[in-house]
Protein backbone atom coordinates (compact mmCIF):
# COMPACT_ATOMS: atom_id res chain seq x y z
CA UNK A 1 6.84 -51.85 83.16
CA UNK A 2 9.33 -50.16 85.50
CA UNK A 3 11.54 -48.34 82.98
CA UNK A 4 14.33 -48.05 85.49
CA UNK A 5 14.60 -51.86 85.46
CA UNK A 6 16.42 -53.53 82.58
CA UNK A 7 14.67 -56.59 81.13
CA UNK A 8 16.33 -59.99 80.77
CA UNK A 9 16.66 -60.35 77.00
CA UNK A 10 15.80 -64.09 77.32
CA UNK A 11 12.71 -63.56 79.43
CA UNK A 12 9.17 -62.85 78.16
CA UNK A 13 6.78 -60.00 78.69
CA UNK A 14 3.38 -59.16 77.27
CA UNK A 15 3.28 -55.54 76.16
CA UNK A 16 4.93 -52.59 77.75
CA UNK A 17 4.10 -48.97 77.15
CA UNK A 18 7.38 -47.05 77.50
CA UNK A 19 5.86 -43.82 78.81
CA UNK A 20 9.19 -42.03 79.41
CA UNK A 21 9.96 -42.29 75.75
CA UNK A 22 6.62 -40.95 74.54
CA UNK A 23 5.00 -37.54 75.02
CA UNK A 24 8.01 -35.94 76.79
CA UNK A 25 10.69 -37.20 74.52
CA UNK A 26 11.26 -34.54 71.91
CA UNK A 27 13.78 -36.67 70.07
CA UNK A 28 11.10 -38.68 68.34
CA UNK A 29 9.66 -35.51 66.85
CA UNK A 30 12.38 -35.95 64.21
CA UNK A 31 10.07 -38.69 62.82
CA UNK A 32 7.36 -36.16 61.90
CA UNK A 33 9.14 -35.07 58.78
CA UNK A 34 9.47 -38.70 57.76
CA UNK A 35 5.74 -39.32 58.36
CA UNK A 36 4.67 -36.12 56.53
CA UNK A 37 6.72 -37.28 53.49
CA UNK A 38 5.09 -40.71 53.73
CA UNK A 39 1.60 -39.18 53.48
CA UNK A 40 2.71 -37.04 50.57
CA UNK A 41 4.17 -39.99 48.78
CA UNK A 42 1.00 -42.01 49.10
CA UNK A 43 -1.17 -39.14 47.87
CA UNK A 44 1.05 -38.68 44.82
CA UNK A 45 1.18 -42.40 43.85
CA UNK A 46 -2.24 -43.86 44.77
CA UNK A 47 -5.87 -42.90 44.23
CA UNK A 48 -7.84 -41.57 47.24
CA UNK A 49 -8.06 -44.17 49.96
CA UNK A 50 -11.41 -45.87 50.46
CA UNK A 51 -11.88 -47.67 53.75
CA UNK A 52 -13.03 -51.23 53.79
CA UNK A 53 -16.58 -51.56 55.16
CA UNK A 54 -15.48 -54.77 56.91
CA UNK A 55 -12.64 -52.98 58.77
CA UNK A 56 -14.43 -52.85 62.17
CA UNK A 57 -15.17 -56.57 62.02
CA UNK A 58 -11.72 -57.60 60.95
CA UNK A 59 -10.25 -56.18 64.19
CA UNK A 60 -13.10 -57.30 66.37
CA UNK A 61 -13.02 -59.95 69.15
CA UNK A 62 -15.60 -61.87 67.11
CA UNK A 63 -13.23 -62.11 64.13
CA UNK A 64 -10.46 -63.39 66.33
CA UNK A 65 -12.75 -65.94 67.93
CA UNK A 66 -13.61 -67.22 64.46
CA UNK A 67 -9.86 -67.60 63.63
CA UNK A 68 -9.19 -69.44 66.87
CA UNK A 69 -12.12 -71.89 66.28
CA UNK A 70 -10.98 -72.70 62.76
CA UNK A 71 -7.36 -72.88 63.77
CA UNK A 72 -6.15 -70.57 60.97
CA UNK A 73 -2.48 -69.66 61.25
CA UNK A 74 -1.71 -66.04 60.57
CA UNK A 75 1.74 -64.71 61.04
CA UNK A 76 1.85 -61.37 59.19
CA UNK A 77 1.16 -59.59 55.95
CA UNK A 78 3.92 -61.56 54.25
CA UNK A 79 2.08 -64.83 54.85
CA UNK A 80 -1.44 -63.30 54.60
CA UNK A 81 -1.34 -60.15 52.54
CA UNK A 82 -5.15 -59.81 52.48
CA UNK A 83 -5.42 -59.03 56.19
CA UNK A 84 -3.91 -55.52 55.67
CA UNK A 85 -5.57 -52.37 54.41
CA UNK A 86 -2.76 -49.78 54.87
CA UNK A 87 0.37 -48.58 53.10
CA UNK A 88 3.68 -50.38 53.51
CA UNK A 89 7.14 -48.78 53.06
CA UNK A 90 10.36 -50.33 51.87
CA UNK A 91 8.96 -53.86 51.53
CA UNK A 92 8.75 -55.32 48.07
CA UNK A 93 5.92 -57.51 46.86
CA UNK A 94 2.83 -55.46 47.94
CA UNK A 95 0.46 -53.45 45.82
CA UNK A 96 0.42 -50.58 48.33
CA UNK A 97 4.19 -50.38 48.96
CA UNK A 98 6.32 -47.24 48.60
CA UNK A 99 10.12 -47.32 48.31
CA UNK A 100 11.82 -44.00 48.34
CA UNK A 101 15.37 -43.12 49.41
CA UNK A 102 14.35 -39.69 50.76
CA UNK A 103 11.91 -41.34 53.18
CA UNK A 104 14.55 -43.77 54.33
CA UNK A 105 16.99 -40.92 54.86
CA UNK A 106 14.54 -39.18 57.13
CA UNK A 107 13.77 -42.41 58.98
CA UNK A 108 17.46 -43.03 59.85
CA UNK A 109 17.39 -40.44 62.66
CA UNK A 110 14.64 -42.50 64.28
CA UNK A 111 16.57 -45.72 63.65
CA UNK A 112 19.63 -44.24 65.44
CA UNK A 113 17.58 -43.15 68.48
CA UNK A 114 16.07 -46.64 68.84
CA UNK A 115 19.46 -48.34 68.48
CA UNK A 116 20.79 -46.05 71.15
CA UNK A 117 17.92 -46.92 73.53
CA UNK A 118 17.90 -50.61 73.15
CA UNK A 119 20.96 -51.45 75.28
CA UNK A 120 19.43 -49.36 78.06
CA UNK A 121 16.27 -51.52 78.12
CA UNK A 122 17.90 -55.01 78.43
CA UNK A 123 20.28 -57.10 80.34
CA UNK A 124 21.98 -59.27 77.77
CA UNK A 125 25.25 -61.26 77.41
CA UNK A 126 26.19 -59.45 74.18
CA UNK A 127 25.48 -56.24 72.34
CA UNK A 128 22.02 -55.70 70.94
CA UNK A 129 20.79 -53.74 67.96
CA UNK A 130 17.55 -53.00 66.12
CA UNK A 131 16.58 -53.95 62.57
CA UNK A 132 13.55 -52.32 60.89
CA UNK A 133 10.77 -54.92 60.78
CA UNK A 134 7.86 -52.89 59.55
CA UNK A 135 7.14 -49.32 58.37
CA UNK A 136 3.43 -48.40 57.82
CA UNK A 137 0.99 -45.62 57.22
CA UNK A 138 -2.72 -46.04 58.18
CA UNK A 139 -5.00 -43.44 56.65
CA UNK A 140 -8.40 -42.98 58.26
CA UNK A 141 -10.21 -46.31 58.01
CA UNK A 142 -6.97 -48.28 57.62
CA UNK A 143 -6.40 -51.41 59.61
CA UNK A 144 -4.38 -54.59 59.99
CA UNK A 145 -6.34 -57.63 60.93
CA UNK A 146 -5.52 -60.25 63.57
CA UNK A 147 -2.05 -61.79 63.33
CA UNK A 148 0.73 -63.14 65.52
CA UNK A 149 4.07 -62.36 63.87
CA UNK A 150 5.09 -65.88 64.86
CA UNK A 151 7.13 -66.37 61.63
CA UNK A 152 9.93 -64.35 63.21
CA UNK A 153 10.05 -64.70 67.06
CA UNK A 154 11.72 -62.20 69.31
CA UNK A 155 11.33 -58.70 70.65
CA UNK A 156 9.58 -55.89 68.85
CA UNK A 157 9.96 -52.15 69.48
CA UNK A 158 7.35 -49.85 67.88
CA UNK A 159 7.35 -46.07 67.51
CA UNK A 160 3.78 -44.88 66.61
CA UNK A 161 2.44 -41.46 65.89
CA UNK A 162 -1.31 -40.59 65.64
CA UNK A 163 -2.32 -37.24 64.34
CA UNK A 164 -5.36 -37.31 66.62
CA UNK A 165 -4.99 -39.15 69.93
CA UNK A 166 -7.70 -41.56 71.03
CA UNK A 167 -8.77 -42.34 67.47
CA UNK A 168 -6.56 -45.43 66.74
CA UNK A 169 -5.54 -48.47 68.72
CA UNK A 170 -3.52 -51.66 69.11
CA UNK A 171 -5.76 -54.50 70.20
CA UNK A 172 -4.35 -57.73 71.49
CA UNK A 173 -5.24 -60.98 73.22
CA UNK A 174 -3.41 -61.78 76.44
CA UNK A 175 -2.08 -65.26 75.85
CA UNK A 176 -2.22 -66.06 79.57
CA UNK A 177 -5.72 -64.87 80.43
CA UNK A 178 -7.28 -64.89 76.89
CA UNK A 179 -8.74 -61.42 77.64
CA UNK A 180 -8.92 -58.87 74.80
CA UNK A 181 -7.20 -55.54 75.53
CA UNK A 182 -7.53 -52.36 73.48
CA UNK A 183 -4.60 -50.03 73.87
CA UNK A 184 -5.69 -46.62 72.51
CA UNK A 185 -2.94 -44.50 70.96
CA UNK A 186 -1.80 -41.25 72.36
CA UNK A 187 -0.20 -38.78 69.94
CA UNK A 188 3.11 -40.72 70.48
CA UNK A 189 3.45 -44.33 71.64
CA UNK A 190 6.50 -46.38 72.22
CA UNK A 191 5.73 -50.06 72.79
CA UNK A 192 7.84 -53.09 73.51
CA UNK A 193 6.66 -56.68 73.27
CA UNK A 194 7.97 -60.19 72.69
CA UNK A 195 6.77 -62.67 70.09
CA UNK A 196 6.73 -66.24 71.40
CA UNK A 197 5.28 -68.88 69.00
CA UNK A 198 4.47 -71.07 72.01
CA UNK A 199 2.13 -68.35 73.38
CA UNK A 200 0.95 -66.46 70.29
CA UNK A 201 0.26 -62.79 70.87
CA UNK A 202 -2.67 -62.14 68.57
CA UNK A 203 -2.93 -58.48 67.76
CA UNK A 204 -4.61 -56.06 65.32
CA UNK A 205 -4.51 -52.38 64.52
CA UNK A 206 -7.25 -49.91 63.50
CA UNK A 207 -7.19 -46.24 62.89
CA UNK A 208 -9.79 -43.54 62.24
CA UNK A 209 -7.04 -40.95 61.96
CA UNK A 210 -3.66 -40.73 60.16
CA UNK A 211 -1.43 -43.21 62.02
CA UNK A 212 2.20 -43.94 61.26
CA UNK A 213 4.41 -46.64 62.78
CA UNK A 214 7.98 -47.92 62.52
CA UNK A 215 8.66 -51.30 63.98
CA UNK A 216 12.04 -52.85 64.91
CA UNK A 217 13.16 -56.34 65.68
CA UNK A 218 15.77 -56.55 68.42
CA UNK A 219 18.67 -58.89 67.81
CA UNK A 220 22.15 -59.61 69.03
CA UNK A 221 24.58 -57.36 67.13
CA UNK A 222 25.82 -57.58 64.50
CA UNK A 223 23.30 -60.40 63.46
CA UNK A 224 21.05 -59.13 60.64
CA UNK A 225 20.38 -62.54 59.20
CA UNK A 226 16.67 -62.82 60.15
CA UNK A 227 14.06 -61.91 57.51
CA UNK A 228 11.79 -59.38 59.19
CA UNK A 229 9.69 -58.45 56.21
């Protein structure tokens, strides 16, 4: 993606790596305190994490092909909680969720950065804003199996931090070519993509390091009526 060109909010794109907002953007380092507190909170509340021996398969092309052949619908961990083996923040209803005001307070600096950047990325008739759509911690061996997020269409903006680059990834299926693409994480990644139920973007996540991510749904301000989690 040419980051000097603003996207049409009504158009579609596959997946864009916003390189200018990654390694060289020190503003996102404010998220590190938030992520460190997430890890601490998980260690205090839960027993030591044991990875699922089926993790590699659950994010494999073979697993996706099986889903496609059976026609199974998978939107997200709200509709299919069993596909996830990671820790969720500030979302009720999951065994591995953590809700803490001090973590939210630290995250707000990242929220503000994202909301400041969003208008610079799009051409739109009205004002846009970002609503938190997912907040996760993947310990080594953590994963999220194949899903589409089709329950809530629209744009997603993800800020991801991996403690060790090259040891975690976002894997997705190009809905136009059907090819499987593995996008390995750098230390920092900022990704933008659009969910279109007519062309499902099947994707999965795996990590063999400590991986943290905060996702945002992009909406017309001040509309916060959509249920993102």
